Amino acid sequence: MPMPSVSAVYDGEQIRLLEEPPVQGPYRVVVTFVEPAHKEDVPRQVLDRFWASFGAWQDDRSAEEIVRDIYAARRSKTEPPAL
């Protein structure tokens, strides 16, 4: 059974998720305390680690426009390649 994960911060009293949970309804969870957090830098630190963890990019186009552009770039060309 897959175990989806989200980042969270424990402030000494409550656990606050930093992302939307990938599931709905009641779930059993496992809480792992990874490292001490400093209240002022947790969101930036977590976001930096999140964006550095995979090949994401920022784009102003909609998802549909991006997919259309990818498909267009992959189409076979009718003219021969220039040498």
PDB file of N, CA and C in Angstrom:
ATOM      1  N   MET A   1       0.852  -1.180   0.000  1.00  0.00           N
ATOM      2  CA  MET A   1       0.000   0.000   0.000  1.00  0.00           C
ATOM      3  C   MET A   1       0.893   1.237   0.000  1.00  0.00           C
ATOM      4  N   PRO A   2       0.691   2.186  -0.932  1.00  0.00           N
ATOM      5  CA  PRO A   2       1.523   3.386  -0.974  1.00  0.00           C
ATOM      6  C   PRO A   2       1.289   4.255   0.256  1.00  0.00           C
ATOM      7  N   MET A   3       2.333   4.956   0.643  1.00  0.00           N
ATOM      8  CA  MET A   3       2.251   5.853   1.788  1.00  0.00           C
ATOM      9  C   MET A   3       2.603   7.270   1.331  1.00  0.00           C
ATOM     10  N   PRO A   4       1.602   8.044   0.857  1.00  0.00           N
ATOM     11  CA  PRO A   4       1.892   9.405   0.414  1.00  0.00           C
ATOM     12  C   PRO A   4       2.389  10.258   1.578  1.00  0.00           C
ATOM     13  N   SER A   5       3.244  11.232   1.272  1.00  0.00           N
ATOM     14  CA  SER A   5       3.835  12.090   2.300  1.00  0.00           C
ATOM     15  C   SER A   5       3.599  13.553   1.980  1.00  0.00           C
ATOM     16  N   VAL A   6       3.491  14.358   3.016  1.00  0.00           N
ATOM     17  CA  VAL A   6       3.462  15.817   2.890  1.00  0.00           C
ATOM     18  C   VAL A   6       4.326  16.395   3.997  1.00  0.00           C
ATOM     19  N   SER A   7       4.899  17.562   3.738  1.00  0.00           N
ATOM     20  CA  SER A   7       5.696  18.242   4.745  1.00  0.00           C
ATOM     21  C   SER A   7       4.775  18.876   5.773  1.00  0.00           C
ATOM     22  N   ALA A   8       5.262  18.958   7.000  1.00  0.00           N
ATOM     23  CA  ALA A   8       4.487  19.561   8.073  1.00  0.00           C
ATOM     24  C   ALA A   8       5.443  20.154   9.103  1.00  0.00           C
ATOM     25  N   VAL A   9       4.896  20.996   9.982  1.00  0.00           N
ATOM     26  CA  VAL A   9       5.664  21.588  11.073  1.00  0.00           C
ATOM     27  C   VAL A   9       4.916  21.336  12.369  1.00  0.00           C
ATOM     28  N   TYR A  10       5.660  20.930  13.385  1.00  0.00           N
ATOM     29  CA  TYR A  10       5.108  20.743  14.727  1.00  0.00           C
ATOM     30  C   TYR A  10       5.594  21.913  15.565  1.00  0.00           C
ATOM     31  N   ASP A  11       4.681  22.702  16.127  1.00  0.00           N
ATOM     32  CA  ASP A  11       5.068  23.899  16.879  1.00  0.00           C
ATOM     33  C   ASP A  11       5.164  23.651  18.380  1.00  0.00           C
ATOM     34  N   GLY A  12       5.158  22.412  18.783  1.00  0.00           N
ATOM     35  CA  GLY A  12       5.192  22.077  20.205  1.00  0.00           C
ATOM     36  C   GLY A  12       3.817  21.717  20.736  1.00  0.00           C
ATOM     37  N   GLU A  13       2.786  22.062  19.977  1.00  0.00           N
ATOM     38  CA  GLU A  13       1.414  21.753  20.383  1.00  0.00           C
ATOM     39  C   GLU A  13       0.603  21.108  19.269  1.00  0.00           C
ATOM     40  N   GLN A  14       0.765  21.611  18.045  1.00  0.00           N
ATOM     41  CA  GLN A  14      -0.027  21.116  16.923  1.00  0.00           C
ATOM     42  C   GLN A  14       0.869  20.809  15.730  1.00  0.00           C
ATOM     43  N   ILE A  15       0.376  19.920  14.883  1.00  0.00           N
ATOM     44  CA  ILE A  15       1.050  19.625  13.624  1.00  0.00           C
ATOM     45  C   ILE A  15       0.293  20.369  12.530  1.00  0.00           C
ATOM     46  N   ARG A  16       1.030  21.168  11.722  1.00  0.00           N
ATOM     47  CA  ARG A  16       0.425  21.958  10.655  1.00  0.00           C
ATOM     48  C   ARG A  16       1.005  21.482   9.331  1.00  0.00           C
ATOM     49  N   LEU A  17       0.129  20.988   8.432  1.00  0.00           N
ATOM     50  CA  LEU A  17       0.563  20.557   7.109  1.00  0.00           C
ATOM     51  C   LEU A  17       0.944  21.762   6.271  1.00  0.00           C
ATOM     52  N   LEU A  18       2.047  21.654   5.518  1.00  0.00           N
ATOM     53  CA  LEU A  18       2.502  22.739   4.656  1.00  0.00           C
ATOM     54  C   LEU A  18       2.030  22.559   3.216  1.00  0.00           C
ATOM     55  N   GLU A  19       1.356  21.454   2.928  1.00  0.00           N
ATOM     56  CA  GLU A  19       0.828  21.164   1.602  1.00  0.00           C
ATOM     57  C   GLU A  19      -0.568  20.573   1.773  1.00  0.00           C
ATOM     58  N   GLU A  20      -1.312  20.573   0.689  1.00  0.00           N
ATOM     59  CA  GLU A  20      -2.625  19.934   0.716  1.00  0.00           C
ATOM     60  C   GLU A  20      -2.427  18.418   0.851  1.00  0.00           C
ATOM     61  N   PRO A  21      -3.199  17.744   1.697  1.00  0.00           N
ATOM     62  CA  PRO A  21      -3.057  16.289   1.794  1.00  0.00           C
ATOM     63  C   PRO A  21      -3.504  15.611   0.494  1.00  0.00           C
ATOM     64  N   PRO A  22      -2.807  14.552   0.071  1.00  0.00           N
ATOM     65  CA  PRO A  22      -3.144  13.874  -1.173  1.00  0.00           C
ATOM     66  C   PRO A  22      -4.295  12.883  -1.021  1.00  0.00           C
ATOM     67  N   VAL A  23      -4.916  12.841   0.147  1.00  0.00           N
ATOM     68  CA  VAL A  23      -6.014  11.913   0.415  1.00  0.00           C
ATOM     69  C   VAL A  23      -7.157  12.667   1.077  1.00  0.00           C
ATOM     70  N   GLN A  24      -8.325  12.036   1.118  1.00  0.00           N
ATOM     71  CA  GLN A  24      -9.471  12.632   1.792  1.00  0.00           C
ATOM     72  C   GLN A  24     -10.027  11.631   2.780  1.00  0.00           C
ATOM     73  N   GLY A  25     -10.712  12.132   3.779  1.00  0.00           N
ATOM     74  CA  GLY A  25     -11.299  11.271   4.781  1.00  0.00           C
ATOM     75  C   GLY A  25     -10.308  10.920   5.873  1.00  0.00           C
ATOM     76  N   PRO A  26     -10.755  10.161   6.851  1.00  0.00           N
ATOM     77  CA  PRO A  26      -9.874   9.796   7.962  1.00  0.00           C
ATOM     78  C   PRO A  26      -8.781   8.831   7.517  1.00  0.00           C
ATOM     79  N   TYR A  27      -7.574   9.064   7.980  1.00  0.00           N
ATOM     80  CA  TYR A  27      -6.425   8.217   7.662  1.00  0.00           C
ATOM     81  C   TYR A  27      -5.579   8.051   8.903  1.00  0.00           C
ATOM     82  N   ARG A  28      -5.009   6.898   9.045  1.00  0.00           N
ATOM     83  CA  ARG A  28      -3.969   6.713  10.057  1.00  0.00           C
ATOM     84  C   ARG A  28      -2.697   7.324   9.487  1.00  0.00           C
ATOM     85  N   VAL A  29      -1.902   7.953  10.316  1.00  0.00           N
ATOM     86  CA  VAL A  29      -0.672   8.598   9.849  1.00  0.00           C
ATOM     87  C   VAL A  29       0.502   8.160  10.712  1.00  0.00           C
ATOM     88  N   VAL A  30       1.698   8.323  10.158  1.00  0.00           N
ATOM     89  CA  VAL A  30       2.937   8.111  10.886  1.00  0.00           C
ATOM     90  C   VAL A  30       3.647   9.458  10.897  1.00  0.00           C
ATOM     91  N   VAL A  31       4.008   9.943  12.068  1.00  0.00           N
ATOM     92  CA  VAL A  31       4.690  11.229  12.177  1.00  0.00           C
ATOM     93  C   VAL A  31       6.156  10.970  12.458  1.00  0.00           C
ATOM     94  N   THR A  32       7.031  11.513  11.601  1.00  0.00           N
ATOM     95  CA  THR A  32       8.471  11.361  11.764  1.00  0.00           C
ATOM     96  C   THR A  32       9.066  12.743  11.991  1.00  0.00           C
ATOM     97  N   PHE A  33       9.787  12.918  13.085  1.00  0.00           N
ATOM     98  CA  PHE A  33      10.431  14.193  13.378  1.00  0.00           C
ATOM     99  C   PHE A  33      11.801  14.186  12.720  1.00  0.00           C
ATOM    100  N   VAL A  34      11.956  14.980  11.667  1.00  0.00           N
ATOM    101  CA  VAL A  34      13.144  14.940  10.820  1.00  0.00           C
ATOM    102  C   VAL A  34      14.260  15.834  11.353  1.00  0.00           C
ATOM    103  N   GLU A  35      13.972  17.094  11.626  1.00  0.00           N
ATOM    104  CA  GLU A  35      14.986  18.031  12.090  1.00  0.00           C
ATOM    105  C   GLU A  35      14.322  19.173  12.837  1.00  0.00           C
ATOM    106  N   PRO A  36      15.053  19.847  13.731  1.00  0.00           N
ATOM    107  CA  PRO A  36      14.474  21.003  14.424  1.00  0.00           C
ATOM    108  C   PRO A  36      14.117  22.085  13.415  1.00  0.00           C
ATOM    109  N   ALA A  37      13.061  22.807  13.689  1.00  0.00           N
ATOM    110  CA  ALA A  37      12.616  23.867  12.788  1.00  0.00           C
ATOM    111  C   ALA A  37      12.716  25.208  13.503  1.00  0.00           C
ATOM    112  N   HIS A  38      13.086  26.224  12.755  1.00  0.00           N
ATOM    113  CA  HIS A  38      13.085  27.592  13.259  1.00  0.00           C
ATOM    114  C   HIS A  38      11.877  28.269  12.655  1.00  0.00           C
ATOM    115  N   LYS A  39      11.049  28.798  13.507  1.00  0.00           N
ATOM    116  CA  LYS A  39       9.756  29.304  13.068  1.00  0.00           C
ATOM    117  C   LYS A  39       9.861  30.277  11.888  1.00  0.00           C
ATOM    118  N   GLU A  40      10.850  31.162  11.894  1.00  0.00           N
ATOM    119  CA  GLU A  40      10.926  32.184  10.854  1.00  0.00           C
ATOM    120  C   GLU A  40      11.376  31.651   9.499  1.00  0.00           C
ATOM    121  N   ASP A  41      12.121  30.524   9.438  1.00  0.00           N
ATOM    122  CA  ASP A  41      12.632  30.078   8.145  1.00  0.00           C
ATOM    123  C   ASP A  41      12.058  28.755   7.657  1.00  0.00           C
ATOM    124  N   VAL A  42      11.130  28.187   8.348  1.00  0.00           N
ATOM    125  CA  VAL A  42      10.595  26.894   7.928  1.00  0.00           C
ATOM    126  C   VAL A  42       9.919  26.940   6.567  1.00  0.00           C
ATOM    127  N   PRO A  43       9.001  27.831   6.295  1.00  0.00           N
ATOM    128  CA  PRO A  43       8.355  27.801   4.977  1.00  0.00           C
ATOM    129  C   PRO A  43       9.344  27.964   3.822  1.00  0.00           C
ATOM    130  N   ARG A  44      10.287  28.900   3.896  1.00  0.00           N
ATOM    131  CA  ARG A  44      11.251  29.093   2.813  1.00  0.00           C
ATOM    132  C   ARG A  44      12.151  27.869   2.676  1.00  0.00           C
ATOM    133  N   GLN A  45      12.617  27.353   3.805  1.00  0.00           N
ATOM    134  CA  GLN A  45      13.502  26.181   3.802  1.00  0.00           C
ATOM    135  C   GLN A  45      12.778  24.977   3.210  1.00  0.00           C
ATOM    136  N   VAL A  46      11.560  24.765   3.598  1.00  0.00           N
ATOM    137  CA  VAL A  46      10.795  23.629   3.090  1.00  0.00           C
ATOM    138  C   VAL A  46      10.528  23.794   1.601  1.00  0.00           C
ATOM    139  N   LEU A  47      10.154  24.987   1.179  1.00  0.00           N
ATOM    140  CA  LEU A  47       9.907  25.215  -0.240  1.00  0.00           C
ATOM    141  C   LEU A  47      11.174  25.035  -1.071  1.00  0.00           C
ATOM    142  N   ASP A  48      12.295  25.552  -0.581  1.00  0.00           N
ATOM    143  CA  ASP A  48      13.558  25.380  -1.318  1.00  0.00           C
ATOM    144  C   ASP A  48      13.901  23.909  -1.475  1.00  0.00           C
ATOM    145  N   ARG A  49      13.762  23.137  -0.406  1.00  0.00           N
ATOM    146  CA  ARG A  49      14.059  21.708  -0.479  1.00  0.00           C
ATOM    147  C   ARG A  49      13.067  21.006  -1.413  1.00  0.00           C
ATOM    148  N   PHE A  50      11.806  21.410  -1.351  1.00  0.00           N
ATOM    149  CA  PHE A  50      10.784  20.829  -2.216  1.00  0.00           C
ATOM    150  C   PHE A  50      11.124  21.060  -3.684  1.00  0.00           C
ATOM    151  N   TRP A  51      11.411  22.320  -4.076  1.00  0.00           N
ATOM    152  CA  TRP A  51      11.686  22.625  -5.471  1.00  0.00           C
ATOM    153  C   TRP A  51      12.998  22.014  -5.934  1.00  0.00           C
ATOM    154  N   ALA A  52      13.968  21.856  -5.042  1.00  0.00           N
ATOM    155  CA  ALA A  52      15.251  21.264  -5.421  1.00  0.00           C
ATOM    156  C   ALA A  52      15.167  19.748  -5.554  1.00  0.00           C
ATOM    157  N   SER A  53      14.095  19.155  -5.057  1.00  0.00           N
ATOM    158  CA  SER A  53      14.020  17.691  -5.013  1.00  0.00           C
ATOM    159  C   SER A  53      13.629  17.052  -6.340  1.00  0.00           C
ATOM    160  N   PHE A  54      13.179  17.833  -7.303  1.00  0.00           N
ATOM    161  CA  PHE A  54      12.819  17.259  -8.592  1.00  0.00           C
ATOM    162  C   PHE A  54      12.924  18.331  -9.667  1.00  0.00           C
ATOM    163  N   GLY A  55      12.818  17.926 -10.884  1.00  0.00           N
ATOM    164  CA  GLY A  55      13.000  18.836 -12.015  1.00  0.00           C
ATOM    165  C   GLY A  55      11.775  19.664 -12.318  1.00  0.00           C
ATOM    166  N   ALA A  56      11.384  20.520 -11.439  1.00  0.00           N
ATOM    167  CA  ALA A  56      10.220  21.368 -11.672  1.00  0.00           C
ATOM    168  C   ALA A  56      10.646  22.700 -12.281  1.00  0.00           C
ATOM    169  N   TRP A  57       9.739  23.359 -12.937  1.00  0.00           N
ATOM    170  CA  TRP A  57      10.009  24.677 -13.475  1.00  0.00           C
ATOM    171  C   TRP A  57       8.770  25.529 -13.305  1.00  0.00           C
ATOM    172  N   GLN A  58       8.973  26.821 -13.440  1.00  0.00           N
ATOM    173  CA  GLN A  58       7.853  27.749 -13.365  1.00  0.00           C
ATOM    174  C   GLN A  58       7.517  28.197 -14.775  1.00  0.00           C
ATOM    175  N   ASP A  59       6.239  28.350 -15.041  1.00  0.00           N
ATOM    176  CA  ASP A  59       5.802  28.730 -16.370  1.00  0.00           C
ATOM    177  C   ASP A  59       4.481  29.474 -16.238  1.00  0.00           C
ATOM    178  N   ASP A  60       4.299  30.503 -17.042  1.00  0.00           N
ATOM    179  CA  ASP A  60       3.064  31.278 -16.989  1.00  0.00           C
ATOM    180  C   ASP A  60       1.957  30.676 -17.850  1.00  0.00           C
ATOM    181  N   ARG A  61       2.317  29.675 -18.673  1.00  0.00           N
ATOM    182  CA  ARG A  61       1.317  29.051 -19.534  1.00  0.00           C
ATOM    183  C   ARG A  61       0.462  28.068 -18.737  1.00  0.00           C
ATOM    184  N   SER A  62      -0.721  27.796 -19.257  1.00  0.00           N
ATOM    185  CA  SER A  62      -1.589  26.796 -18.628  1.00  0.00           C
ATOM    186  C   SER A  62      -1.041  25.399 -18.935  1.00  0.00           C
ATOM    187  N   ALA A  63      -1.488  24.421 -18.197  1.00  0.00           N
ATOM    188  CA  ALA A  63      -1.055  23.042 -18.426  1.00  0.00           C
ATOM    189  C   ALA A  63      -1.409  22.589 -19.840  1.00  0.00           C
ATOM    190  N   GLU A  64      -2.573  22.990 -20.326  1.00  0.00           N
ATOM    191  CA  GLU A  64      -2.993  22.606 -21.675  1.00  0.00           C
ATOM    192  C   GLU A  64      -2.053  23.191 -22.727  1.00  0.00           C
ATOM    193  N   GLU A  65      -1.631  24.451 -22.537  1.00  0.00           N
ATOM    194  CA  GLU A  65      -0.705  25.076 -23.489  1.00  0.00           C
ATOM    195  C   GLU A  65       0.654  24.372 -23.485  1.00  0.00           C
ATOM    196  N   ILE A  66       1.122  24.011 -22.314  1.00  0.00           N
ATOM    197  CA  ILE A  66       2.415  23.328 -22.204  1.00  0.00           C
ATOM    198  C   ILE A  66       2.361  21.982 -22.911  1.00  0.00           C
ATOM    199  N   VAL A  67       1.304  21.209 -22.662  1.00  0.00           N
ATOM    200  CA  VAL A  67       1.170  19.898 -23.307  1.00  0.00           C
ATOM    201  C   VAL A  67       1.069  20.055 -24.817  1.00  0.00           C
ATOM    202  N   ARG A  68       0.297  21.038 -25.287  1.00  0.00           N
ATOM    203  CA  ARG A  68       0.175  21.282 -26.728  1.00  0.00           C
ATOM    204  C   ARG A  68       1.544  21.603 -27.335  1.00  0.00           C
ATOM    205  N   ASP A  69       2.331  22.435 -26.659  1.00  0.00           N
ATOM    206  CA  ASP A  69       3.666  22.788 -27.156  1.00  0.00           C
ATOM    207  C   ASP A  69       4.600  21.580 -27.177  1.00  0.00           C
ATOM    208  N   ILE A  70       4.505  20.737 -26.188  1.00  0.00           N
ATOM    209  CA  ILE A  70       5.337  19.519 -26.150  1.00  0.00           C
ATOM    210  C   ILE A  70       4.977  18.607 -27.316  1.00  0.00           C
ATOM    211  N   TYR A  71       3.677  18.394 -27.523  1.00  0.00           N
ATOM    212  CA  TYR A  71       3.256  17.548 -28.649  1.00  0.00           C
ATOM    213  C   TYR A  71       3.697  18.147 -29.985  1.00  0.00           C
ATOM    214  N   ALA A  72       3.578  19.448 -30.139  1.00  0.00           N
ATOM    215  CA  ALA A  72       3.971  20.095 -31.393  1.00  0.00           C
ATOM    216  C   ALA A  72       5.468  19.935 -31.635  1.00  0.00           C
ATOM    217  N   ALA A  73       6.267  20.013 -30.591  1.00  0.00           N
ATOM    218  CA  ALA A  73       7.716  19.878 -30.740  1.00  0.00           C
ATOM    219  C   ALA A  73       8.117  18.450 -31.086  1.00  0.00           C
ATOM    220  N   ARG A  74       7.291  17.488 -30.763  1.00  0.00           N
ATOM    221  CA  ARG A  74       7.618  16.083 -31.013  1.00  0.00           C
ATOM    222  C   ARG A  74       7.106  15.587 -32.354  1.00  0.00           C
ATOM    223  N   ARG A  75       6.315  16.367 -33.064  1.00  0.00           N
ATOM    224  CA  ARG A  75       5.772  15.933 -34.354  1.00  0.00           C
ATOM    225  C   ARG A  75       6.881  15.758 -35.373  1.00  0.00           C
ATOM    226  N   SER A  76       6.688  14.818 -36.253  1.00  0.00           N
ATOM    227  CA  SER A  76       7.644  14.633 -37.354  1.00  0.00           C
ATOM    228  C   SER A  76       7.574  15.827 -38.283  1.00  0.00           C
ATOM    229  N   LYS A  77       8.715  16.218 -38.766  1.00  0.00           N
ATOM    230  CA  LYS A  77       8.794  17.357 -39.694  1.00  0.00           C
ATOM    231  C   LYS A  77       8.652  16.848 -41.121  1.00  0.00           C
ATOM    232  N   THR A  78       8.024  17.647 -41.977  1.00  0.00           N
ATOM    233  CA  THR A  78       7.862  17.237 -43.371  1.00  0.00           C
ATOM    234  C   THR A  78       9.094  17.571 -44.204  1.00  0.00           C
ATOM    235  N   GLU A  79       9.866  18.588 -43.763  1.00  0.00           N
ATOM    236  CA  GLU A  79      11.062  18.922 -44.518  1.00  0.00           C
ATOM    237  C   GLU A  79      12.273  18.185 -43.925  1.00  0.00           C
ATOM    238  N   PRO A  80      13.261  17.883 -44.756  1.00  0.00           N
ATOM    239  CA  PRO A  80      14.453  17.202 -44.241  1.00  0.00           C
ATOM    240  C   PRO A  80      15.246  18.145 -43.333  1.00  0.00           C
ATOM    241  N   PRO A  81      16.018  17.610 -42.437  1.00  0.00           N
ATOM    242  CA  PRO A  81      16.787  18.456 -41.542  1.00  0.00           C
ATOM    243  C   PRO A  81      17.853  19.236 -42.304  1.00  0.00           C
ATOM    244  N   ALA A  82      18.115  20.445 -41.856  1.00  0.00           N
ATOM    245  CA  ALA A  82      19.161  21.269 -42.481  1.00  0.00           C
ATOM    246  C   ALA A  82      20.514  20.781 -42.020  1.00  0.00           C
ATOM    247  N   LEU A  83      21.429  20.645 -42.998  1.00  0.00           N
ATOM    248  CA  LEU A  83      22.778  20.187 -42.657  1.00  0.00           C
ATOM    249  C   LEU A  83      23.760  21.304 -42.710  1.00  0.00           C
TER     250      LEU A  83
END
